[in-house]
Amino acid sequence: MKNAARGIGIVFALAVGLAAPAAALPVSPPAPGESALQTIHRLRSEGFRVIESRVGSAATDKCTVTAIRHGQELTPQQGRLRGQFTTVYVDLGCK
């Protein structure tokens, strides 16, 4: 019984350890005066996969960045993805 409980504890600890996020690349916030489009292009040029989340229906050039959040890190799988990149979510307020 003690061995079974210990085994379950070890499996749980391994699962938690493996689920911990990898060291995320730093994301710098938008510079003063930087538009939403400039921020998105900058993040892409830095190697991030950018997913936009917006409130409002205006075009992106009429939006402001309200937040930038890290997403899941992806690695190549069976040759489908080239390289490794981190997803960032860019929250936009569009009026």
PDB file of N, CA and C in Angstrom:
ATOM      1  N   MET A   1       0.822  -1.196   0.000  1.00  0.00           N
ATOM      2  CA  MET A   1       0.000   0.000   0.000  1.00  0.00           C
ATOM      3  C   MET A   1       0.865   1.259   0.000  1.00  0.00           C
ATOM      4  N   LYS A   2       1.920   1.275   0.827  1.00  0.00           N
ATOM      5  CA  LYS A   2       2.797   2.443   0.861  1.00  0.00           C
ATOM      6  C   LYS A   2       3.512   2.613  -0.478  1.00  0.00           C
ATOM      7  N   ASN A   3       3.920   1.497  -1.085  1.00  0.00           N
ATOM      8  CA  ASN A   3       4.612   1.573  -2.369  1.00  0.00           C
ATOM      9  C   ASN A   3       3.689   2.108  -3.455  1.00  0.00           C
ATOM     10  N   ALA A   4       2.419   1.704  -3.431  1.00  0.00           N
ATOM     11  CA  ALA A   4       1.460   2.186  -4.426  1.00  0.00           C
ATOM     12  C   ALA A   4       1.255   3.695  -4.280  1.00  0.00           C
ATOM     13  N   ALA A   5       1.111   4.156  -3.030  1.00  0.00           N
ATOM     14  CA  ALA A   5       0.921   5.589  -2.791  1.00  0.00           C
ATOM     15  C   ALA A   5       2.168   6.367  -3.220  1.00  0.00           C
ATOM     16  N   ARG A   6       3.333   5.806  -2.923  1.00  0.00           N
ATOM     17  CA  ARG A   6       4.582   6.470  -3.314  1.00  0.00           C
ATOM     18  C   ARG A   6       4.682   6.543  -4.838  1.00  0.00           C
ATOM     19  N   GLY A   7       4.308   5.457  -5.518  1.00  0.00           N
ATOM     20  CA  GLY A   7       4.345   5.428  -6.983  1.00  0.00           C
ATOM     21  C   GLY A   7       3.410   6.458  -7.589  1.00  0.00           C
ATOM     22  N   ILE A   8       2.227   6.586  -7.004  1.00  0.00           N
ATOM     23  CA  ILE A   8       1.262   7.584  -7.499  1.00  0.00           C
ATOM     24  C   ILE A   8       1.815   8.984  -7.281  1.00  0.00           C
ATOM     25  N   GLY A   9       2.441   9.206  -6.127  1.00  0.00           N
ATOM     26  CA  GLY A   9       3.032  10.512  -5.841  1.00  0.00           C
ATOM     27  C   GLY A   9       4.135  10.867  -6.822  1.00  0.00           C
ATOM     28  N   ILE A  10       4.944   9.879  -7.174  1.00  0.00           N
ATOM     29  CA  ILE A  10       6.025  10.119  -8.134  1.00  0.00           C
ATOM     30  C   ILE A  10       5.464  10.447  -9.510  1.00  0.00           C
ATOM     31  N   VAL A  11       4.466   9.687  -9.935  1.00  0.00           N
ATOM     32  CA  VAL A  11       3.839   9.942 -11.234  1.00  0.00           C
ATOM     33  C   VAL A  11       3.225  11.339 -11.253  1.00  0.00           C
ATOM     34  N   PHE A  12       2.556  11.717 -10.178  1.00  0.00           N
ATOM     35  CA  PHE A  12       1.943  13.041 -10.096  1.00  0.00           C
ATOM     36  C   PHE A  12       3.011  14.129 -10.164  1.00  0.00           C
ATOM     37  N   ALA A  13       4.102  13.955  -9.418  1.00  0.00           N
ATOM     38  CA  ALA A  13       5.178  14.947  -9.421  1.00  0.00           C
ATOM     39  C   ALA A  13       5.793  15.089 -10.811  1.00  0.00           C
ATOM     40  N   LEU A  14       5.982  13.969 -11.508  1.00  0.00           N
ATOM     41  CA  LEU A  14       6.514  14.031 -12.870  1.00  0.00           C
ATOM     42  C   LEU A  14       5.563  14.757 -13.805  1.00  0.00           C
ATOM     43  N   ALA A  15       4.274  14.470 -13.676  1.00  0.00           N
ATOM     44  CA  ALA A  15       3.281  15.123 -14.540  1.00  0.00           C
ATOM     45  C   ALA A  15       3.278  16.630 -14.313  1.00  0.00           C
ATOM     46  N   VAL A  16       3.335  17.046 -13.074  1.00  0.00           N
ATOM     47  CA  VAL A  16       3.350  18.473 -12.763  1.00  0.00           C
ATOM     48  C   VAL A  16       4.633  19.106 -13.286  1.00  0.00           C
ATOM     49  N   GLY A  17       5.749  18.437 -13.103  1.00  0.00           N
ATOM     50  CA  GLY A  17       7.027  18.954 -13.576  1.00  0.00           C
ATOM     51  C   GLY A  17       7.071  19.093 -15.077  1.00  0.00           C
ATOM     52  N   LEU A  18       6.524  18.127 -15.792  1.00  0.00           N
ATOM     53  CA  LEU A  18       6.523  18.186 -17.247  1.00  0.00           C
ATOM     54  C   LEU A  18       5.534  19.213 -17.768  1.00  0.00           C
ATOM     55  N   ALA A  19       4.488  19.479 -17.017  1.00  0.00           N
ATOM     56  CA  ALA A  19       3.474  20.441 -17.448  1.00  0.00           C
ATOM     57  C   ALA A  19       3.918  21.876 -17.215  1.00  0.00           C
ATOM     58  N   ALA A  20       4.965  22.085 -16.444  1.00  0.00           N
ATOM     59  CA  ALA A  20       5.439  23.446 -16.176  1.00  0.00           C
ATOM     60  C   ALA A  20       5.864  24.100 -17.483  1.00  0.00           C
ATOM     61  N   PRO A  21       5.523  25.356 -17.683  1.00  0.00           N
ATOM     62  CA  PRO A  21       5.881  26.019 -18.943  1.00  0.00           C
ATOM     63  C   PRO A  21       7.385  26.180 -19.074  1.00  0.00           C
ATOM     64  N   ALA A  22       7.832  26.112 -20.295  1.00  0.00           N
ATOM     65  CA  ALA A  22       9.256  26.342 -20.574  1.00  0.00           C
ATOM     66  C   ALA A  22       9.564  27.811 -20.357  1.00  0.00           C
ATOM     67  N   ALA A  23      10.819  28.121 -20.234  1.00  0.00           N
ATOM     68  CA  ALA A  23      11.208  29.519 -20.048  1.00  0.00           C
ATOM     69  C   ALA A  23      10.720  30.324 -21.244  1.00  0.00           C
ATOM     70  N   ALA A  24       9.819  31.231 -20.977  1.00  0.00           N
ATOM     71  CA  ALA A  24       9.197  31.999 -22.046  1.00  0.00           C
ATOM     72  C   ALA A  24      10.132  33.112 -22.517  1.00  0.00           C
ATOM     73  N   LEU A  25      10.106  33.344 -23.794  1.00  0.00           N
ATOM     74  CA  LEU A  25      10.863  34.462 -24.349  1.00  0.00           C
ATOM     75  C   LEU A  25      10.256  35.759 -23.822  1.00  0.00           C
ATOM     76  N   PRO A  26      11.069  36.743 -23.524  1.00  0.00           N
ATOM     77  CA  PRO A  26      10.508  38.000 -23.034  1.00  0.00           C
ATOM     78  C   PRO A  26       9.758  38.738 -24.138  1.00  0.00           C
ATOM     79  N   VAL A  27       8.651  39.316 -23.770  1.00  0.00           N
ATOM     80  CA  VAL A  27       7.854  40.106 -24.713  1.00  0.00           C
ATOM     81  C   VAL A  27       7.853  41.535 -24.209  1.00  0.00           C
ATOM     82  N   SER A  28       8.331  42.451 -25.033  1.00  0.00           N
ATOM     83  CA  SER A  28       8.317  43.844 -24.610  1.00  0.00           C
ATOM     84  C   SER A  28       6.979  44.473 -24.969  1.00  0.00           C
ATOM     85  N   PRO A  29       6.469  45.319 -24.090  1.00  0.00           N
ATOM     86  CA  PRO A  29       5.194  45.984 -24.361  1.00  0.00           C
ATOM     87  C   PRO A  29       5.349  46.967 -25.509  1.00  0.00           C
ATOM     88  N   PRO A  30       4.234  47.438 -26.043  1.00  0.00           N
ATOM     89  CA  PRO A  30       4.318  48.417 -27.129  1.00  0.00           C
ATOM     90  C   PRO A  30       5.062  49.670 -26.669  1.00  0.00           C
ATOM     91  N   ALA A  31       5.906  50.176 -27.538  1.00  0.00           N
ATOM     92  CA  ALA A  31       6.616  51.419 -27.253  1.00  0.00           C
ATOM     93  C   ALA A  31       5.624  52.578 -27.344  1.00  0.00           C
ATOM     94  N   PRO A  32       5.889  53.667 -26.653  1.00  0.00           N
ATOM     95  CA  PRO A  32       4.993  54.822 -26.770  1.00  0.00           C
ATOM     96  C   PRO A  32       4.862  55.245 -28.236  1.00  0.00           C
ATOM     97  N   GLY A  33       3.637  55.385 -28.679  1.00  0.00           N
ATOM     98  CA  GLY A  33       3.384  55.789 -30.058  1.00  0.00           C
ATOM     99  C   GLY A  33       3.360  54.637 -31.050  1.00  0.00           C
ATOM    100  N   GLU A  34       3.683  53.424 -30.597  1.00  0.00           N
ATOM    101  CA  GLU A  34       3.679  52.264 -31.506  1.00  0.00           C
ATOM    102  C   GLU A  34       2.233  51.818 -31.736  1.00  0.00           C
ATOM    103  N   SER A  35       1.832  51.708 -32.986  1.00  0.00           N
ATOM    104  CA  SER A  35       0.468  51.302 -33.311  1.00  0.00           C
ATOM    105  C   SER A  35       0.297  49.805 -33.095  1.00  0.00           C
ATOM    106  N   ALA A  36      -0.939  49.358 -33.128  1.00  0.00           N
ATOM    107  CA  ALA A  36      -1.226  47.932 -32.980  1.00  0.00           C
ATOM    108  C   ALA A  36      -0.572  47.143 -34.113  1.00  0.00           C
ATOM    109  N   LEU A  37      -0.658  47.658 -35.341  1.00  0.00           N
ATOM    110  CA  LEU A  37      -0.036  46.967 -36.474  1.00  0.00           C
ATOM    111  C   LEU A  37       1.479  46.878 -36.308  1.00  0.00           C
ATOM    112  N   GLN A  38       2.102  47.958 -35.856  1.00  0.00           N
ATOM    113  CA  GLN A  38       3.550  47.946 -35.641  1.00  0.00           C
ATOM    114  C   GLN A  38       3.926  46.939 -34.559  1.00  0.00           C
ATOM    115  N   THR A  39       3.136  46.876 -33.495  1.00  0.00           N
ATOM    116  CA  THR A  39       3.406  45.927 -32.413  1.00  0.00           C
ATOM    117  C   THR A  39       3.312  44.502 -32.922  1.00  0.00           C
ATOM    118  N   ILE A  40       2.271  44.206 -33.686  1.00  0.00           N
ATOM    119  CA  ILE A  40       2.073  42.856 -34.230  1.00  0.00           C
ATOM    120  C   ILE A  40       3.217  42.483 -35.161  1.00  0.00           C
ATOM    121  N   HIS A  41       3.599  43.390 -36.038  1.00  0.00           N
ATOM    122  CA  HIS A  41       4.709  43.117 -36.972  1.00  0.00           C
ATOM    123  C   HIS A  41       6.031  42.934 -36.216  1.00  0.00           C
ATOM    124  N   ARG A  42       6.251  43.742 -35.181  1.00  0.00           N
ATOM    125  CA  ARG A  42       7.479  43.617 -34.391  1.00  0.00           C
ATOM    126  C   ARG A  42       7.547  42.254 -33.709  1.00  0.00           C
ATOM    127  N   LEU A  43       6.436  41.833 -33.110  1.00  0.00           N
ATOM    128  CA  LEU A  43       6.412  40.541 -32.423  1.00  0.00           C
ATOM    129  C   LEU A  43       6.664  39.393 -33.404  1.00  0.00           C
ATOM    130  N   ARG A  44       6.058  39.478 -34.580  1.00  0.00           N
ATOM    131  CA  ARG A  44       6.290  38.438 -35.596  1.00  0.00           C
ATOM    132  C   ARG A  44       7.754  38.417 -36.035  1.00  0.00           C
ATOM    133  N   SER A  45       8.349  39.599 -36.188  1.00  0.00           N
ATOM    134  CA  SER A  45       9.748  39.651 -36.611  1.00  0.00           C
ATOM    135  C   SER A  45      10.682  39.127 -35.516  1.00  0.00           C
ATOM    136  N   GLU A  46      10.231  39.164 -34.260  1.00  0.00           N
ATOM    137  CA  GLU A  46      11.006  38.622 -33.152  1.00  0.00           C
ATOM    138  C   GLU A  46      10.826  37.109 -33.019  1.00  0.00           C
ATOM    139  N   GLY A  47      10.010  36.514 -33.895  1.00  0.00           N
ATOM    140  CA  GLY A  47       9.838  35.068 -33.899  1.00  0.00           C
ATOM    141  C   GLY A  47       8.605  34.551 -33.184  1.00  0.00           C
ATOM    142  N   PHE A  48       7.713  35.433 -32.768  1.00  0.00           N
ATOM    143  CA  PHE A  48       6.501  35.004 -32.097  1.00  0.00           C
ATOM    144  C   PHE A  48       5.396  34.698 -33.098  1.00  0.00           C
ATOM    145  N   ARG A  49       4.564  33.745 -32.751  1.00  0.00           N
ATOM    146  CA  ARG A  49       3.308  33.494 -33.478  1.00  0.00           C
ATOM    147  C   ARG A  49       2.278  34.364 -32.777  1.00  0.00           C
ATOM    148  N   VAL A  50       1.656  35.276 -33.492  1.00  0.00           N
ATOM    149  CA  VAL A  50       0.751  36.248 -32.890  1.00  0.00           C
ATOM    150  C   VAL A  50      -0.700  35.871 -33.170  1.00  0.00           C
ATOM    151  N   ILE A  51      -1.490  35.819 -32.107  1.00  0.00           N
ATOM    152  CA  ILE A  51      -2.934  35.612 -32.235  1.00  0.00           C
ATOM    153  C   ILE A  51      -3.607  36.854 -31.668  1.00  0.00           C
ATOM    154  N   GLU A  52      -4.428  37.475 -32.491  1.00  0.00           N
ATOM    155  CA  GLU A  52      -5.124  38.699 -32.082  1.00  0.00           C
ATOM    156  C   GLU A  52      -6.448  38.355 -31.425  1.00  0.00           C
ATOM    157  N   SER A  53      -6.737  39.042 -30.348  1.00  0.00           N
ATOM    158  CA  SER A  53      -8.023  38.936 -29.668  1.00  0.00           C
ATOM    159  C   SER A  53      -8.542  40.359 -29.554  1.00  0.00           C
ATOM    160  N   ARG A  54      -9.675  40.629 -30.159  1.00  0.00           N
ATOM    161  CA  ARG A  54     -10.113  42.017 -30.216  1.00  0.00           C
ATOM    162  C   ARG A  54     -11.493  42.213 -29.612  1.00  0.00           C
ATOM    163  N   VAL A  55     -11.683  43.432 -29.101  1.00  0.00           N
ATOM    164  CA  VAL A  55     -12.981  43.900 -28.640  1.00  0.00           C
ATOM    165  C   VAL A  55     -13.320  45.070 -29.541  1.00  0.00           C
ATOM    166  N   GLY A  56     -14.417  44.954 -30.274  1.00  0.00           N
ATOM    167  CA  GLY A  56     -14.808  45.979 -31.238  1.00  0.00           C
ATOM    168  C   GLY A  56     -14.616  45.452 -32.642  1.00  0.00           C
ATOM    169  N   SER A  57     -15.124  46.209 -33.607  1.00  0.00           N
ATOM    170  CA  SER A  57     -15.112  45.716 -34.984  1.00  0.00           C
ATOM    171  C   SER A  57     -14.316  46.596 -35.947  1.00  0.00           C
ATOM    172  N   ALA A  58     -13.604  47.577 -35.434  1.00  0.00           N
ATOM    173  CA  ALA A  58     -12.825  48.469 -36.304  1.00  0.00           C
ATOM    174  C   ALA A  58     -11.649  47.712 -36.918  1.00  0.00           C
ATOM    175  N   ALA A  59     -11.107  48.271 -37.988  1.00  0.00           N
ATOM    176  CA  ALA A  59      -9.924  47.699 -38.631  1.00  0.00           C
ATOM    177  C   ALA A  59      -8.742  47.767 -37.660  1.00  0.00           C
ATOM    178  N   THR A  60      -7.775  46.886 -37.851  1.00  0.00           N
ATOM    179  CA  THR A  60      -6.631  46.796 -36.943  1.00  0.00           C
ATOM    180  C   THR A  60      -5.883  48.117 -36.829  1.00  0.00           C
ATOM    181  N   ASP A  61      -5.848  48.906 -37.907  1.00  0.00           N
ATOM    182  CA  ASP A  61      -5.128  50.179 -37.831  1.00  0.00           C
ATOM    183  C   ASP A  61      -5.841  51.205 -36.952  1.00  0.00           C
ATOM    184  N   LYS A  62      -7.063  50.911 -36.534  1.00  0.00           N
ATOM    185  CA  LYS A  62      -7.817  51.788 -35.632  1.00  0.00           C
ATOM    186  C   LYS A  62      -7.819  51.245 -34.197  1.00  0.00           C
ATOM    187  N   CYS A  63      -7.048  50.188 -33.932  1.00  0.00           N
ATOM    188  CA  CYS A  63      -7.035  49.530 -32.629  1.00  0.00           C
ATOM    189  C   CYS A  63      -5.842  49.968 -31.793  1.00  0.00           C
ATOM    190  N   THR A  64      -5.962  49.763 -30.499  1.00  0.00           N
ATOM    191  CA  THR A  64      -4.837  49.949 -29.593  1.00  0.00           C
ATOM    192  C   THR A  64      -4.585  48.633 -28.863  1.00  0.00           C
ATOM    193  N   VAL A  65      -3.337  48.387 -28.513  1.00  0.00           N
ATOM    194  CA  VAL A  65      -2.974  47.169 -27.788  1.00  0.00           C
ATOM    195  C   VAL A  65      -3.305  47.378 -26.322  1.00  0.00           C
ATOM    196  N   THR A  66      -4.131  46.487 -25.766  1.00  0.00           N
ATOM    197  CA  THR A  66      -4.494  46.588 -24.348  1.00  0.00           C
ATOM    198  C   THR A  66      -3.702  45.606 -23.490  1.00  0.00           C
ATOM    199  N   ALA A  67      -3.196  44.517 -24.096  1.00  0.00           N
ATOM    200  CA  ALA A  67      -2.392  43.546 -23.349  1.00  0.00           C
ATOM    201  C   ALA A  67      -1.678  42.616 -24.314  1.00  0.00           C
ATOM    202  N   ILE A  68      -0.572  42.064 -23.855  1.00  0.00           N
ATOM    203  CA  ILE A  68       0.146  41.022 -24.592  1.00  0.00           C
ATOM    204  C   ILE A  68       0.378  39.892 -23.602  1.00  0.00           C
ATOM    205  N   ARG A  69      -0.086  38.686 -23.955  1.00  0.00           N
ATOM    206  CA  ARG A  69       0.020  37.536 -23.055  1.00  0.00           C
ATOM    207  C   ARG A  69       0.724  36.389 -23.756  1.00  0.00           C
ATOM    208  N   HIS A  70       1.509  35.639 -22.992  1.00  0.00           N
ATOM    209  CA  HIS A  70       2.195  34.467 -23.525  1.00  0.00           C
ATOM    210  C   HIS A  70       1.212  33.327 -23.740  1.00  0.00           C
ATOM    211  N   GLY A  71       1.477  32.556 -24.768  1.00  0.00           N
ATOM    212  CA  GLY A  71       0.710  31.349 -25.031  1.00  0.00           C
ATOM    213  C   GLY A  71       1.607  30.136 -24.891  1.00  0.00           C
ATOM    214  N   GLN A  72       1.226  29.048 -25.509  1.00  0.00           N
ATOM    215  CA  GLN A  72       1.952  27.792 -25.412  1.00  0.00           C
ATOM    216  C   GLN A  72       3.130  27.763 -26.375  1.00  0.00           C
ATOM    217  N   GLU A  73       4.235  27.208 -25.924  1.00  0.00           N
ATOM    218  CA  GLU A  73       5.408  27.053 -26.775  1.00  0.00           C
ATOM    219  C   GLU A  73       5.224  25.808 -27.633  1.00  0.00           C
ATOM    220  N   LEU A  74       5.520  25.926 -28.908  1.00  0.00           N
ATOM    221  CA  LEU A  74       5.356  24.821 -29.840  1.00  0.00           C
ATOM    222  C   LEU A  74       6.710  24.385 -30.368  1.00  0.00           C
ATOM    223  N   THR A  75       6.841  23.097 -30.636  1.00  0.00           N
ATOM    224  CA  THR A  75       8.070  22.556 -31.203  1.00  0.00           C
ATOM    225  C   THR A  75       7.731  21.781 -32.468  1.00  0.00           C
ATOM    226  N   PRO A  76       8.715  21.512 -33.316  1.00  0.00           N
ATOM    227  CA  PRO A  76       8.448  20.780 -34.553  1.00  0.00           C
ATOM    228  C   PRO A  76       7.877  19.389 -34.268  1.00  0.00           C
ATOM    229  N   GLN A  77       6.891  19.014 -35.036  1.00  0.00           N
ATOM    230  CA  GLN A  77       6.279  17.690 -34.903  1.00  0.00           C
ATOM    231  C   GLN A  77       6.208  17.057 -36.281  1.00  0.00           C
ATOM    232  N   GLN A  78       6.939  16.016 -36.474  1.00  0.00           N
ATOM    233  CA  GLN A  78       6.924  15.243 -37.716  1.00  0.00           C
ATOM    234  C   GLN A  78       7.123  16.128 -38.940  1.00  0.00           C
ATOM    235  N   GLY A  79       7.958  17.148 -38.825  1.00  0.00           N
ATOM    236  CA  GLY A  79       8.283  17.989 -39.968  1.00  0.00           C
ATOM    237  C   GLY A  79       7.212  18.966 -40.385  1.00  0.00           C
ATOM    238  N   ARG A  80       6.109  19.059 -39.639  1.00  0.00           N
ATOM    239  CA  ARG A  80       5.035  19.983 -40.026  1.00  0.00           C
ATOM    240  C   ARG A  80       5.378  21.433 -39.697  1.00  0.00           C
ATOM    241  N   LEU A  81       6.075  21.637 -38.585  1.00  0.00           N
ATOM    242  CA  LEU A  81       6.440  22.990 -38.189  1.00  0.00           C
ATOM    243  C   LEU A  81       7.937  23.164 -38.365  1.00  0.00           C
ATOM    244  N   ARG A  82       8.342  24.307 -38.792  1.00  0.00           N
ATOM    245  CA  ARG A  82       9.774  24.571 -38.951  1.00  0.00           C
ATOM    246  C   ARG A  82      10.221  25.453 -37.799  1.00  0.00           C
ATOM    247  N   GLY A  83      11.213  24.980 -37.077  1.00  0.00           N
ATOM    248  CA  GLY A  83      11.730  25.745 -35.957  1.00  0.00           C
ATOM    249  C   GLY A  83      10.841  25.645 -34.742  1.00  0.00           C
ATOM    250  N   GLN A  84      11.102  26.505 -33.813  1.00  0.00           N
ATOM    251  CA  GLN A  84      10.340  26.533 -32.571  1.00  0.00           C
ATOM    252  C   GLN A  84       9.900  27.965 -32.335  1.00  0.00           C
ATOM    253  N   PHE A  85       8.673  28.146 -31.910  1.00  0.00           N
ATOM    254  CA  PHE A  85       8.214  29.500 -31.653  1.00  0.00           C
ATOM    255  C   PHE A  85       7.234  29.502 -30.504  1.00  0.00           C
ATOM    256  N   THR A  86       7.024  30.657 -29.953  1.00  0.00           N
ATOM    257  CA  THR A  86       6.106  30.827 -28.843  1.00  0.00           C
ATOM    258  C   THR A  86       4.938  31.678 -29.319  1.00  0.00           C
ATOM    259  N   THR A  87       3.765  31.277 -28.937  1.00  0.00           N
ATOM    260  CA  THR A  87       2.565  32.035 -29.263  1.00  0.00           C
ATOM    261  C   THR A  87       2.381  33.157 -28.256  1.00  0.00           C
ATOM    262  N   VAL A  88       2.015  34.325 -28.742  1.00  0.00           N
ATOM    263  CA  VAL A  88       1.605  35.425 -27.876  1.00  0.00           C
ATOM    264  C   VAL A  88       0.219  35.868 -28.315  1.00  0.00           C
ATOM    265  N   TYR A  89      -0.584  36.224 -27.335  1.00  0.00           N
ATOM    266  CA  TYR A  89      -1.925  36.743 -27.605  1.00  0.00           C
ATOM    267  C   TYR A  89      -1.863  38.251 -27.434  1.00  0.00           C
ATOM    268  N   VAL A  90      -2.277  38.967 -28.469  1.00  0.00           N
ATOM    269  CA  VAL A  90      -2.295  40.420 -28.431  1.00  0.00           C
ATOM    270  C   VAL A  90      -3.755  40.833 -28.335  1.00  0.00           C
ATOM    271  N   ASP A  91      -4.110  41.446 -27.191  1.00  0.00           N
ATOM    272  CA  ASP A  91      -5.469  41.928 -26.972  1.00  0.00           C
ATOM    273  C   ASP A  91      -5.579  43.329 -27.549  1.00  0.00           C
ATOM    274  N   LEU A  92      -6.606  43.535 -28.364  1.00  0.00           N
ATOM    275  CA  LEU A  92      -6.809  44.825 -29.033  1.00  0.00           C
ATOM    276  C   LEU A  92      -8.139  45.429 -28.639  1.00  0.00           C
ATOM    277  N   GLY A  93      -8.133  46.728 -28.418  1.00  0.00           N
ATOM    278  CA  GLY A  93      -9.348  47.497 -28.224  1.00  0.00           C
ATOM    279  C   GLY A  93      -9.595  48.285 -29.500  1.00  0.00           C
ATOM    280  N   CYS A  94     -10.696  47.984 -30.183  1.00  0.00           N
ATOM    281  CA  CYS A  94     -10.961  48.587 -31.505  1.00  0.00           C
ATOM    282  C   CYS A  94     -12.258  49.380 -31.446  1.00  0.00           C
ATOM    283  N   LYS A  95     -12.177  50.661 -31.766  1.00  0.00           N
ATOM    284  CA  LYS A  95     -13.373  51.529 -31.719  1.00  0.00           C
ATOM    285  C   LYS A  95     -13.790  51.923 -33.105  1.00  0.00           C
TER     286      LYS A  95
END
